[in-house]
């Protein structure tokens, strides 16, 4: 399948983003392949729904509800990726009791394809994270943390390529600067590498050398900041070849994806779904061989 710059055309008005559905007849052509991407971020060990205590989030979230929603969507979709943008750990007594084992086992049972590493995933130190990795039946993808001098050496990937039918998807991951955010004793010899430099490097490999139809960045940089600091917005403007950024860290609830033009004037889509598993991001991409266009549907689903 020859790849087209669908996001560029979307920015020019050739695509639809919204919460609506598309008539099935429009995509019944065998030349059209649909890819569904589900994503989470900053779940923070929220295994149970929020208690019914009158709070803003009462009754929302919960791993069992998310798992049921994922199962329901899987039954309907032929090609699906399930991804997480970090901060899996910390936030409820489940993490204090089990150190992350339960979180990884639950994600594995849901069939997550990959996750990146957030700052709170270091909360039990490198030793704690390393201890729980065997419970994760999915890879951790991080492109700008160098673990060469730590016990995590060789246990993460800078990127991974997935094949879903005829579609080839490249995924890489970016983490936030740890100094001043995480005690040094917890991340030890981990070296933080410039995220924009690494993003350009790996996105180019995935798009030009590996010929991926879609390049996704799992980012724990944060959506946007008032001060000068690398964020998803800055990343999108400062890079090439990234089609989709699935973000985390700032707990930002987006009603719909943000579209930002990259260095080449092409569009990069950014999405983030808050925190605590309250929302499940859902993005549908339609790839056409006949090069007459693709449509994108994005609907962030409430879990509860």
C-alpha atoms as a PDB file:
ATOM      1  CA  UNK A   1       0.000   0.000   0.000  1.00  0.00           C
ATOM      2  CA  UNK A   2       1.356   3.373  -0.997  1.00  0.00           C
ATOM      3  CA  UNK A   3       1.178   5.868   1.840  1.00  0.00           C
ATOM      4  CA  UNK A   4      -0.464   9.263   1.433  1.00  0.00           C
ATOM      5  CA  UNK A   5      -0.005  12.337   3.581  1.00  0.00           C
ATOM      6  CA  UNK A   6      -3.520  12.133   4.937  1.00  0.00           C
ATOM      7  CA  UNK A   7      -2.997  14.605   7.771  1.00  0.00           C
ATOM      8  CA  UNK A   8      -1.819  17.276   5.342  1.00  0.00           C
ATOM      9  CA  UNK A   9      -4.987  16.806   3.327  1.00  0.00           C
ATOM     10  CA  UNK A  10      -7.027  16.871   6.507  1.00  0.00           C
ATOM     11  CA  UNK A  11      -5.589  20.265   7.363  1.00  0.00           C
ATOM     12  CA  UNK A  12      -6.554  21.460   3.891  1.00  0.00           C
ATOM     13  CA  UNK A  13     -10.160  20.485   4.491  1.00  0.00           C
ATOM     14  CA  UNK A  14     -10.193  17.082   2.826  1.00  0.00           C
ATOM     15  CA  UNK A  15     -10.916  15.164   6.024  1.00  0.00           C
ATOM     16  CA  UNK A  16     -13.451  15.121   8.815  1.00  0.00           C
ATOM     17  CA  UNK A  17     -12.707  15.090  12.530  1.00  0.00           C
ATOM     18  CA  UNK A  18     -15.580  14.795  14.914  1.00  0.00           C
ATOM     19  CA  UNK A  19     -17.646  12.623  17.165  1.00  0.00           C
ATOM     20  CA  UNK A  20     -20.006  11.466  14.462  1.00  0.00           C
ATOM     21  CA  UNK A  21     -20.057   8.195  12.588  1.00  0.00           C
ATOM     22  CA  UNK A  22     -19.543   7.518   8.911  1.00  0.00           C
ATOM     23  CA  UNK A  23     -22.008   5.557   6.741  1.00  0.00           C
ATOM     24  CA  UNK A  24     -20.697   2.041   6.367  1.00  0.00           C
ATOM     25  CA  UNK A  25     -21.307   2.176   2.648  1.00  0.00           C
ATOM     26  CA  UNK A  26     -18.630   4.829   2.293  1.00  0.00           C
ATOM     27  CA  UNK A  27     -15.986   2.338   3.492  1.00  0.00           C
ATOM     28  CA  UNK A  28     -17.268  -0.955   2.097  1.00  0.00           C
ATOM     29  CA  UNK A  29     -14.745  -0.838  -0.748  1.00  0.00           C
ATOM     30  CA  UNK A  30     -12.117  -3.591  -0.246  1.00  0.00           C
ATOM     31  CA  UNK A  31      -9.489  -1.000  -1.112  1.00  0.00           C
ATOM     32  CA  UNK A  32     -10.237   0.781   2.177  1.00  0.00           C
ATOM     33  CA  UNK A  33      -8.613  -0.430   5.417  1.00  0.00           C
ATOM     34  CA  UNK A  34      -9.723   0.889   8.792  1.00  0.00           C
ATOM     35  CA  UNK A  35      -7.340   1.148  11.755  1.00  0.00           C
ATOM     36  CA  UNK A  36      -8.688   1.864  15.245  1.00  0.00           C
ATOM     37  CA  UNK A  37      -6.337   3.279  17.875  1.00  0.00           C
ATOM     38  CA  UNK A  38      -7.375   3.163  21.537  1.00  0.00           C
ATOM     39  CA  UNK A  39      -5.228   4.982  24.081  1.00  0.00           C
ATOM     40  CA  UNK A  40      -4.902   5.931  27.743  1.00  0.00           C
ATOM     41  CA  UNK A  41      -2.549   8.053  29.810  1.00  0.00           C
ATOM     42  CA  UNK A  42      -1.890   8.840  33.482  1.00  0.00           C
ATOM     43  CA  UNK A  43      -4.116   6.047  34.788  1.00  0.00           C
ATOM     44  CA  UNK A  44      -2.219   6.307  38.115  1.00  0.00           C
ATOM     45  CA  UNK A  45      -3.123   2.907  39.583  1.00  0.00           C
ATOM     46  CA  UNK A  46      -6.834   3.714  39.428  1.00  0.00           C
ATOM     47  CA  UNK A  47      -8.118   0.135  39.492  1.00  0.00           C
ATOM     48  CA  UNK A  48     -11.557   0.869  40.961  1.00  0.00           C
ATOM     49  CA  UNK A  49     -14.023   3.524  39.811  1.00  0.00           C
ATOM     50  CA  UNK A  50     -14.043   6.751  41.804  1.00  0.00           C
ATOM     51  CA  UNK A  51     -16.184   6.350  44.940  1.00  0.00           C
ATOM     52  CA  UNK A  52     -19.748   7.650  45.043  1.00  0.00           C
ATOM     53  CA  UNK A  53     -18.865  10.463  47.411  1.00  0.00           C
ATOM     54  CA  UNK A  54     -20.338  13.441  45.626  1.00  0.00           C
ATOM     55  CA  UNK A  55     -17.036  14.303  43.961  1.00  0.00           C
ATOM     56  CA  UNK A  56     -16.722  15.514  40.389  1.00  0.00           C
ATOM     57  CA  UNK A  57     -15.512  12.116  39.153  1.00  0.00           C
ATOM     58  CA  UNK A  58     -17.765   9.892  41.275  1.00  0.00           C
ATOM     59  CA  UNK A  59     -18.561   6.571  39.632  1.00  0.00           C
ATOM     60  CA  UNK A  60     -16.228   7.152  36.690  1.00  0.00           C
ATOM     61  CA  UNK A  61     -13.302   5.058  35.501  1.00  0.00           C
ATOM     62  CA  UNK A  62     -12.296   1.639  36.733  1.00  0.00           C
ATOM     63  CA  UNK A  63     -10.199  -1.064  35.087  1.00  0.00           C
ATOM     64  CA  UNK A  64     -13.058  -3.544  34.699  1.00  0.00           C
ATOM     65  CA  UNK A  65     -15.194  -1.004  32.864  1.00  0.00           C
ATOM     66  CA  UNK A  66     -12.327  -0.048  30.602  1.00  0.00           C
ATOM     67  CA  UNK A  67     -11.629  -3.705  29.875  1.00  0.00           C
ATOM     68  CA  UNK A  68     -15.294  -4.277  28.972  1.00  0.00           C
ATOM     69  CA  UNK A  69     -15.261  -1.257  26.659  1.00  0.00           C
ATOM     70  CA  UNK A  70     -12.072  -2.447  24.966  1.00  0.00           C
ATOM     71  CA  UNK A  71     -13.558  -5.929  24.491  1.00  0.00           C
ATOM     72  CA  UNK A  72     -16.682  -4.445  22.958  1.00  0.00           C
ATOM     73  CA  UNK A  73     -14.677  -2.366  20.493  1.00  0.00           C
ATOM     74  CA  UNK A  74     -12.399  -5.296  19.603  1.00  0.00           C
ATOM     75  CA  UNK A  75     -15.437  -7.331  18.555  1.00  0.00           C
ATOM     76  CA  UNK A  76     -16.305  -4.673  15.970  1.00  0.00           C
ATOM     77  CA  UNK A  77     -12.857  -3.730  14.663  1.00  0.00           C
ATOM     78  CA  UNK A  78     -10.519  -5.868  12.596  1.00  0.00           C
ATOM     79  CA  UNK A  79      -7.351  -3.808  13.040  1.00  0.00           C
ATOM     80  CA  UNK A  80      -6.766  -2.260  16.468  1.00  0.00           C
ATOM     81  CA  UNK A  81      -3.888  -0.853  18.533  1.00  0.00           C
ATOM     82  CA  UNK A  82      -4.143  -0.243  22.302  1.00  0.00           C
ATOM     83  CA  UNK A  83      -1.487   2.144  23.655  1.00  0.00           C
ATOM     84  CA  UNK A  84      -0.602   3.980  26.878  1.00  0.00           C
ATOM     85  CA  UNK A  85       1.370   7.218  27.325  1.00  0.00           C
ATOM     86  CA  UNK A  86       2.800   6.637  30.795  1.00  0.00           C
ATOM     87  CA  UNK A  87       2.258   7.220  34.528  1.00  0.00           C
ATOM     88  CA  UNK A  88       0.744   3.799  35.006  1.00  0.00           C
ATOM     89  CA  UNK A  89       1.953   3.772  38.630  1.00  0.00           C
ATOM     90  CA  UNK A  90       1.110   5.719  41.789  1.00  0.00           C
ATOM     91  CA  UNK A  91      -2.120   7.205  43.046  1.00  0.00           C
ATOM     92  CA  UNK A  92      -4.022   4.552  45.008  1.00  0.00           C
ATOM     93  CA  UNK A  93      -3.199   1.973  47.723  1.00  0.00           C
ATOM     94  CA  UNK A  94      -3.031  -0.718  45.045  1.00  0.00           C
ATOM     95  CA  UNK A  95       0.378   0.610  44.049  1.00  0.00           C
ATOM     96  CA  UNK A  96       1.509   0.828  47.671  1.00  0.00           C
ATOM     97  CA  UNK A  97       0.489  -2.791  48.251  1.00  0.00           C
ATOM     98  CA  UNK A  98       1.550  -4.475  45.013  1.00  0.00           C
ATOM     99  CA  UNK A  99       4.190  -2.138  43.551  1.00  0.00           C
ATOM    100  CA  UNK A 100       2.703  -2.066  40.056  1.00  0.00           C
ATOM    101  CA  UNK A 101       2.224  -5.809  39.541  1.00  0.00           C
ATOM    102  CA  UNK A 102      -1.556  -5.510  39.425  1.00  0.00           C
ATOM    103  CA  UNK A 103      -1.488  -2.618  36.960  1.00  0.00           C
ATOM    104  CA  UNK A 104       0.734  -4.499  34.504  1.00  0.00           C
ATOM    105  CA  UNK A 105      -1.289  -7.706  34.798  1.00  0.00           C
ATOM    106  CA  UNK A 106      -4.530  -5.850  34.118  1.00  0.00           C
ATOM    107  CA  UNK A 107      -3.074  -4.060  31.096  1.00  0.00           C
ATOM    108  CA  UNK A 108      -1.730  -7.363  29.788  1.00  0.00           C
ATOM    109  CA  UNK A 109      -5.155  -8.960  30.128  1.00  0.00           C
ATOM    110  CA  UNK A 110      -6.661  -6.084  28.131  1.00  0.00           C
ATOM    111  CA  UNK A 111      -4.147  -6.687  25.349  1.00  0.00           C
ATOM    112  CA  UNK A 112      -2.177  -3.454  25.401  1.00  0.00           C
ATOM    113  CA  UNK A 113       0.236  -3.351  22.470  1.00  0.00           C
ATOM    114  CA  UNK A 114       2.742  -0.918  23.990  1.00  0.00           C
ATOM    115  CA  UNK A 115       3.303   1.807  26.588  1.00  0.00           C
ATOM    116  CA  UNK A 116       5.857   4.490  27.290  1.00  0.00           C
ATOM    117  CA  UNK A 117       7.351   5.456  30.656  1.00  0.00           C
ATOM    118  CA  UNK A 118       6.115   8.386  32.747  1.00  0.00           C
ATOM    119  CA  UNK A 119       7.861  10.098  35.645  1.00  0.00           C
ATOM    120  CA  UNK A 120       5.687   8.336  38.251  1.00  0.00           C
ATOM    121  CA  UNK A 121       6.674   4.969  36.842  1.00  0.00           C
ATOM    122  CA  UNK A 122       9.992   5.594  38.635  1.00  0.00           C
ATOM    123  CA  UNK A 123       8.268   6.006  42.017  1.00  0.00           C
ATOM    124  CA  UNK A 124       9.511   2.619  43.224  1.00  0.00           C
ATOM    125  CA  UNK A 125      12.914   3.277  41.682  1.00  0.00           C
ATOM    126  CA  UNK A 126      14.590   1.455  38.820  1.00  0.00           C
ATOM    127  CA  UNK A 127      14.541  -1.689  40.951  1.00  0.00           C
ATOM    128  CA  UNK A 128      10.781  -1.469  41.444  1.00  0.00           C
ATOM    129  CA  UNK A 129      10.070  -0.921  37.754  1.00  0.00           C
ATOM    130  CA  UNK A 130      12.436  -3.699  36.765  1.00  0.00           C
ATOM    131  CA  UNK A 131      10.790  -6.087  39.224  1.00  0.00           C
ATOM    132  CA  UNK A 132       7.383  -5.573  37.635  1.00  0.00           C
ATOM    133  CA  UNK A 133       8.404  -5.733  33.953  1.00  0.00           C
ATOM    134  CA  UNK A 134       7.904  -9.545  33.749  1.00  0.00           C
ATOM    135  CA  UNK A 135       4.213  -8.953  34.472  1.00  0.00           C
ATOM    136  CA  UNK A 136       3.831  -6.792  31.344  1.00  0.00           C
ATOM    137  CA  UNK A 137       3.059  -8.760  28.179  1.00  0.00           C
ATOM    138  CA  UNK A 138       3.728  -5.672  26.087  1.00  0.00           C
ATOM    139  CA  UNK A 139       6.873  -3.638  25.330  1.00  0.00           C
ATOM    140  CA  UNK A 140       7.865  -0.332  26.889  1.00  0.00           C
ATOM    141  CA  UNK A 141       8.883   2.080  24.155  1.00  0.00           C
ATOM    142  CA  UNK A 142      11.079   5.015  25.166  1.00  0.00           C
ATOM    143  CA  UNK A 143      13.386   6.815  22.744  1.00  0.00           C
ATOM    144  CA  UNK A 144      15.005   9.535  24.867  1.00  0.00           C
ATOM    145  CA  UNK A 145      15.923   7.705  28.085  1.00  0.00           C
ATOM    146  CA  UNK A 146      19.261   5.951  27.909  1.00  0.00           C
ATOM    147  CA  UNK A 147      19.259   3.052  30.367  1.00  0.00           C
ATOM    148  CA  UNK A 148      22.656   1.687  29.260  1.00  0.00           C
ATOM    149  CA  UNK A 149      24.203   2.148  32.709  1.00  0.00           C
ATOM    150  CA  UNK A 150      21.224   0.819  34.659  1.00  0.00           C
ATOM    151  CA  UNK A 151      19.569  -2.520  35.342  1.00  0.00           C
ATOM    152  CA  UNK A 152      16.956  -1.628  32.678  1.00  0.00           C
ATOM    153  CA  UNK A 153      19.583  -1.848  29.918  1.00  0.00           C
ATOM    154  CA  UNK A 154      18.125  -3.725  26.970  1.00  0.00           C
ATOM    155  CA  UNK A 155      14.675  -4.036  28.555  1.00  0.00           C
ATOM    156  CA  UNK A 156      12.967  -1.211  26.659  1.00  0.00           C
ATOM    157  CA  UNK A 157      12.730  -0.397  22.939  1.00  0.00           C
ATOM    158  CA  UNK A 158      13.345   2.953  21.203  1.00  0.00           C
ATOM    159  CA  UNK A 159      10.593   2.106  18.710  1.00  0.00           C
ATOM    160  CA  UNK A 160       8.449  -0.742  17.469  1.00  0.00           C
ATOM    161  CA  UNK A 161       6.700  -1.460  14.182  1.00  0.00           C
ATOM    162  CA  UNK A 162       3.243  -3.023  14.120  1.00  0.00           C
ATOM    163  CA  UNK A 163       1.494  -4.560  11.116  1.00  0.00           C
ATOM    164  CA  UNK A 164      -2.288  -4.416  11.090  1.00  0.00           C
ATOM    165  CA  UNK A 165      -3.479  -5.937   7.853  1.00  0.00           C
ATOM    166  CA  UNK A 166      -1.804  -3.968   5.051  1.00  0.00           C
ATOM    167  CA  UNK A 167      -1.039  -1.027   7.368  1.00  0.00           C
ATOM    168  CA  UNK A 168       2.438  -0.553   8.802  1.00  0.00           C
ATOM    169  CA  UNK A 169       2.564   1.561  11.977  1.00  0.00           C
ATOM    170  CA  UNK A 170       5.722   2.854  13.629  1.00  0.00           C
ATOM    171  CA  UNK A 171       5.579   3.818  17.310  1.00  0.00           C
ATOM    172  CA  UNK A 172       8.251   5.584  19.366  1.00  0.00           C
ATOM    173  CA  UNK A 173       8.118   7.124  22.840  1.00  0.00           C
ATOM    174  CA  UNK A 174       9.301  10.248  24.637  1.00  0.00           C
ATOM    175  CA  UNK A 175       9.660  10.919  28.361  1.00  0.00           C
ATOM    176  CA  UNK A 176       9.845  14.158  30.323  1.00  0.00           C
ATOM    177  CA  UNK A 177      13.070  15.480  31.870  1.00  0.00           C
ATOM    178  CA  UNK A 178      13.514  13.690  35.191  1.00  0.00           C
ATOM    179  CA  UNK A 179      15.911  16.057  36.965  1.00  0.00           C
ATOM    180  CA  UNK A 180      14.034  18.171  39.498  1.00  0.00           C
ATOM    181  CA  UNK A 181      10.866  16.144  38.956  1.00  0.00           C
ATOM    182  CA  UNK A 182      11.966  12.724  40.207  1.00  0.00           C
ATOM    183  CA  UNK A 183      14.530  12.162  42.994  1.00  0.00           C
ATOM    184  CA  UNK A 184      17.837  11.157  41.415  1.00  0.00           C
ATOM    185  CA  UNK A 185      18.025   8.140  43.692  1.00  0.00           C
ATOM    186  CA  UNK A 186      14.995   6.706  41.877  1.00  0.00           C
ATOM    187  CA  UNK A 187      16.215   7.052  38.287  1.00  0.00           C
ATOM    188  CA  UNK A 188      19.921   6.529  39.002  1.00  0.00           C
ATOM    189  CA  UNK A 189      22.086   6.376  35.899  1.00  0.00           C
ATOM    190  CA  UNK A 190      19.252   7.047  33.456  1.00  0.00           C
ATOM    191  CA  UNK A 191      20.355   9.646  30.916  1.00  0.00           C
ATOM    192  CA  UNK A 192      17.766  12.059  29.512  1.00  0.00           C
ATOM    193  CA  UNK A 193      18.246  12.796  25.807  1.00  0.00           C
ATOM    194  CA  UNK A 194      16.830  15.734  23.869  1.00  0.00           C
ATOM    195  CA  UNK A 195      13.268  14.733  22.895  1.00  0.00           C
ATOM    196  CA  UNK A 196      13.045  16.856  19.742  1.00  0.00           C
ATOM    197  CA  UNK A 197      16.340  15.520  18.421  1.00  0.00           C
ATOM    198  CA  UNK A 198      15.312  11.918  19.132  1.00  0.00           C
ATOM    199  CA  UNK A 199      11.832  12.464  17.705  1.00  0.00           C
ATOM    200  CA  UNK A 200      13.211  13.701  14.403  1.00  0.00           C
ATOM    201  CA  UNK A 201      15.716  10.854  14.311  1.00  0.00           C
ATOM    202  CA  UNK A 202      13.277   8.014  14.932  1.00  0.00           C
ATOM    203  CA  UNK A 203      10.369   9.500  12.972  1.00  0.00           C
ATOM    204  CA  UNK A 204      12.651   9.765   9.942  1.00  0.00           C
ATOM    205  CA  UNK A 205      13.747   6.150  10.325  1.00  0.00           C
ATOM    206  CA  UNK A 206      10.164   4.949  10.633  1.00  0.00           C
ATOM    207  CA  UNK A 207       8.755   6.993   7.766  1.00  0.00           C
ATOM    208  CA  UNK A 208      11.569   7.006   5.224  1.00  0.00           C
ATOM    209  CA  UNK A 209      13.585   3.872   5.922  1.00  0.00           C
ATOM    210  CA  UNK A 210      10.953   1.533   7.345  1.00  0.00           C
ATOM    211  CA  UNK A 211       8.249   2.965   5.040  1.00  0.00           C
ATOM    212  CA  UNK A 212       5.607   3.116   7.753  1.00  0.00           C
ATOM    213  CA  UNK A 213       2.176   4.319   6.696  1.00  0.00           C
ATOM    214  CA  UNK A 214       1.637   5.949  10.084  1.00  0.00           C
ATOM    215  CA  UNK A 215       4.075   7.259  12.710  1.00  0.00           C
ATOM    216  CA  UNK A 216       2.842   7.602  16.296  1.00  0.00           C
ATOM    217  CA  UNK A 217       4.661   9.229  19.202  1.00  0.00           C
ATOM    218  CA  UNK A 218       3.702   8.096  22.709  1.00  0.00           C
ATOM    219  CA  UNK A 219       4.587  11.211  24.676  1.00  0.00           C
ATOM    220  CA  UNK A 220       4.835  11.926  28.383  1.00  0.00           C
ATOM    221  CA  UNK A 221       6.096  15.466  27.787  1.00  0.00           C
ATOM    222  CA  UNK A 222       2.823  17.236  28.615  1.00  0.00           C
ATOM    223  CA  UNK A 223       0.332  18.970  26.339  1.00  0.00           C
ATOM    224  CA  UNK A 224       1.417  22.616  26.705  1.00  0.00           C
ATOM    225  CA  UNK A 225       3.065  25.020  29.177  1.00  0.00           C
ATOM    226  CA  UNK A 226       3.132  28.763  29.761  1.00  0.00           C
ATOM    227  CA  UNK A 227       6.879  28.714  30.266  1.00  0.00           C
ATOM    228  CA  UNK A 228       9.415  27.670  27.644  1.00  0.00           C
ATOM    229  CA  UNK A 229       9.446  23.919  28.035  1.00  0.00           C
ATOM    230  CA  UNK A 230       9.202  21.058  25.588  1.00  0.00           C
ATOM    231  CA  UNK A 231       5.588  19.948  25.275  1.00  0.00           C
ATOM    232  CA  UNK A 232       3.521  18.093  22.700  1.00  0.00           C
ATOM    233  CA  UNK A 233       2.640  21.420  21.072  1.00  0.00           C
ATOM    234  CA  UNK A 234       6.311  22.384  20.832  1.00  0.00           C
ATOM    235  CA  UNK A 235       7.249  18.900  19.663  1.00  0.00           C
ATOM    236  CA  UNK A 236       4.724  18.970  16.828  1.00  0.00           C
ATOM    237  CA  UNK A 237       5.979  22.358  15.591  1.00  0.00           C
ATOM    238  CA  UNK A 238       9.645  21.330  15.808  1.00  0.00           C
ATOM    239  CA  UNK A 239       9.616  17.977  14.009  1.00  0.00           C
ATOM    240  CA  UNK A 240       8.844  16.188  10.763  1.00  0.00           C
ATOM    241  CA  UNK A 241       7.185  12.887   9.857  1.00  0.00           C
ATOM    242  CA  UNK A 242       5.063  12.473  13.024  1.00  0.00           C
ATOM    243  CA  UNK A 243       1.411  11.888  12.179  1.00  0.00           C
ATOM    244  CA  UNK A 244      -0.054  11.426  15.646  1.00  0.00           C
ATOM    245  CA  UNK A 245       1.069  12.332  19.182  1.00  0.00           C
ATOM    246  CA  UNK A 246      -0.716  10.532  22.011  1.00  0.00           C
ATOM    247  CA  UNK A 247       0.173  12.519  25.090  1.00  0.00           C
ATOM    248  CA  UNK A 248       0.200  12.439  28.861  1.00  0.00           C
ATOM    249  CA  UNK A 249       1.600  14.062  32.028  1.00  0.00           C
ATOM    250  CA  UNK A 250      -0.517  17.244  32.149  1.00  0.00           C
ATOM    251  CA  UNK A 251      -3.822  15.369  32.681  1.00  0.00           C
ATOM    252  CA  UNK A 252      -5.371  17.346  29.835  1.00  0.00           C
ATOM    253  CA  UNK A 253      -8.892  16.413  28.775  1.00  0.00           C
ATOM    254  CA  UNK A 254      -9.286  17.189  25.076  1.00  0.00           C
ATOM    255  CA  UNK A 255     -12.742  17.174  23.485  1.00  0.00           C
ATOM    256  CA  UNK A 256     -11.105  16.623  20.133  1.00  0.00           C
ATOM    257  CA  UNK A 257      -7.526  16.393  18.850  1.00  0.00           C
ATOM    258  CA  UNK A 258      -5.425  19.505  18.337  1.00  0.00           C
ATOM    259  CA  UNK A 259      -3.930  19.947  14.870  1.00  0.00           C
ATOM    260  CA  UNK A 260      -0.489  21.591  14.648  1.00  0.00           C
ATOM    261  CA  UNK A 261       1.577  22.254  11.539  1.00  0.00           C
ATOM    262  CA  UNK A 262       5.058  20.736  11.614  1.00  0.00           C
ATOM    263  CA  UNK A 263       8.314  22.056  10.155  1.00  0.00           C
ATOM    264  CA  UNK A 264       7.154  21.156   6.649  1.00  0.00           C
ATOM    265  CA  UNK A 265       3.757  22.776   7.052  1.00  0.00           C
ATOM    266  CA  UNK A 266       2.061  19.402   7.333  1.00  0.00           C
ATOM    267  CA  UNK A 267      -0.425  18.597  10.077  1.00  0.00           C
ATOM    268  CA  UNK A 268       0.328  16.610  13.214  1.00  0.00           C
ATOM    269  CA  UNK A 269      -2.565  15.497  15.401  1.00  0.00           C
ATOM    270  CA  UNK A 270      -2.288  15.603  19.229  1.00  0.00           C
ATOM    271  CA  UNK A 271      -4.684  13.847  21.593  1.00  0.00           C
ATOM    272  CA  UNK A 272      -4.768  13.325  25.358  1.00  0.00           C
ATOM    273  CA  UNK A 273      -7.501  11.873  27.583  1.00  0.00           C
ATOM    274  CA  UNK A 274      -7.039  13.390  31.044  1.00  0.00           C
ATOM    275  CA  UNK A 275      -6.125  10.980  33.803  1.00  0.00           C
ATOM    276  CA  UNK A 276      -7.257   8.094  36.059  1.00  0.00           C
ATOM    277  CA  UNK A 277      -8.817   6.078  33.245  1.00  0.00           C
ATOM    278  CA  UNK A 278     -11.867   8.343  33.159  1.00  0.00           C
ATOM    279  CA  UNK A 279     -11.666   8.474  29.364  1.00  0.00           C
ATOM    280  CA  UNK A 280     -10.567   6.062  26.660  1.00  0.00           C
ATOM    281  CA  UNK A 281      -9.262   7.712  23.518  1.00  0.00           C
ATOM    282  CA  UNK A 282     -10.560   6.266  20.241  1.00  0.00           C
ATOM    283  CA  UNK A 283      -9.267   7.318  16.847  1.00  0.00           C
ATOM    284  CA  UNK A 284     -10.375   5.690  13.588  1.00  0.00           C
ATOM    285  CA  UNK A 285      -8.154   6.062  10.537  1.00  0.00           C
ATOM    286  CA  UNK A 286      -9.204   5.015   7.046  1.00  0.00           C
ATOM    287  CA  UNK A 287      -6.504   4.147   4.506  1.00  0.00           C
ATOM    288  CA  UNK A 288      -7.346   3.984   0.790  1.00  0.00           C
ATOM    289  CA  UNK A 289      -5.273   2.387  -1.925  1.00  0.00           C
ATOM    290  CA  UNK A 290      -6.968   4.349  -4.666  1.00  0.00           C
ATOM    291  CA  UNK A 291      -5.657   7.599  -3.168  1.00  0.00           C
ATOM    292  CA  UNK A 292      -9.030   9.333  -3.239  1.00  0.00           C
ATOM    293  CA  UNK A 293      -8.909  10.305   0.426  1.00  0.00           C
ATOM    294  CA  UNK A 294      -9.202   9.052   3.956  1.00  0.00           C
ATOM    295  CA  UNK A 295     -11.425  10.096   6.806  1.00  0.00           C
ATOM    296  CA  UNK A 296     -10.619  10.318  10.489  1.00  0.00           C
ATOM    297  CA  UNK A 297     -13.100   9.940  13.311  1.00  0.00           C
ATOM    298  CA  UNK A 298     -12.046  10.708  16.881  1.00  0.00           C
ATOM    299  CA  UNK A 299     -14.261  10.189  19.890  1.00  0.00           C
ATOM    300  CA  UNK A 300     -12.852  10.175  23.428  1.00  0.00           C
ATOM    301  CA  UNK A 301     -15.122   7.778  25.316  1.00  0.00           C
ATOM    302  CA  UNK A 302     -16.235   8.203  28.920  1.00  0.00           C
ATOM    303  CA  UNK A 303     -15.519   5.139  31.052  1.00  0.00           C
ATOM    304  CA  UNK A 304     -18.321   4.825  33.550  1.00  0.00           C
END
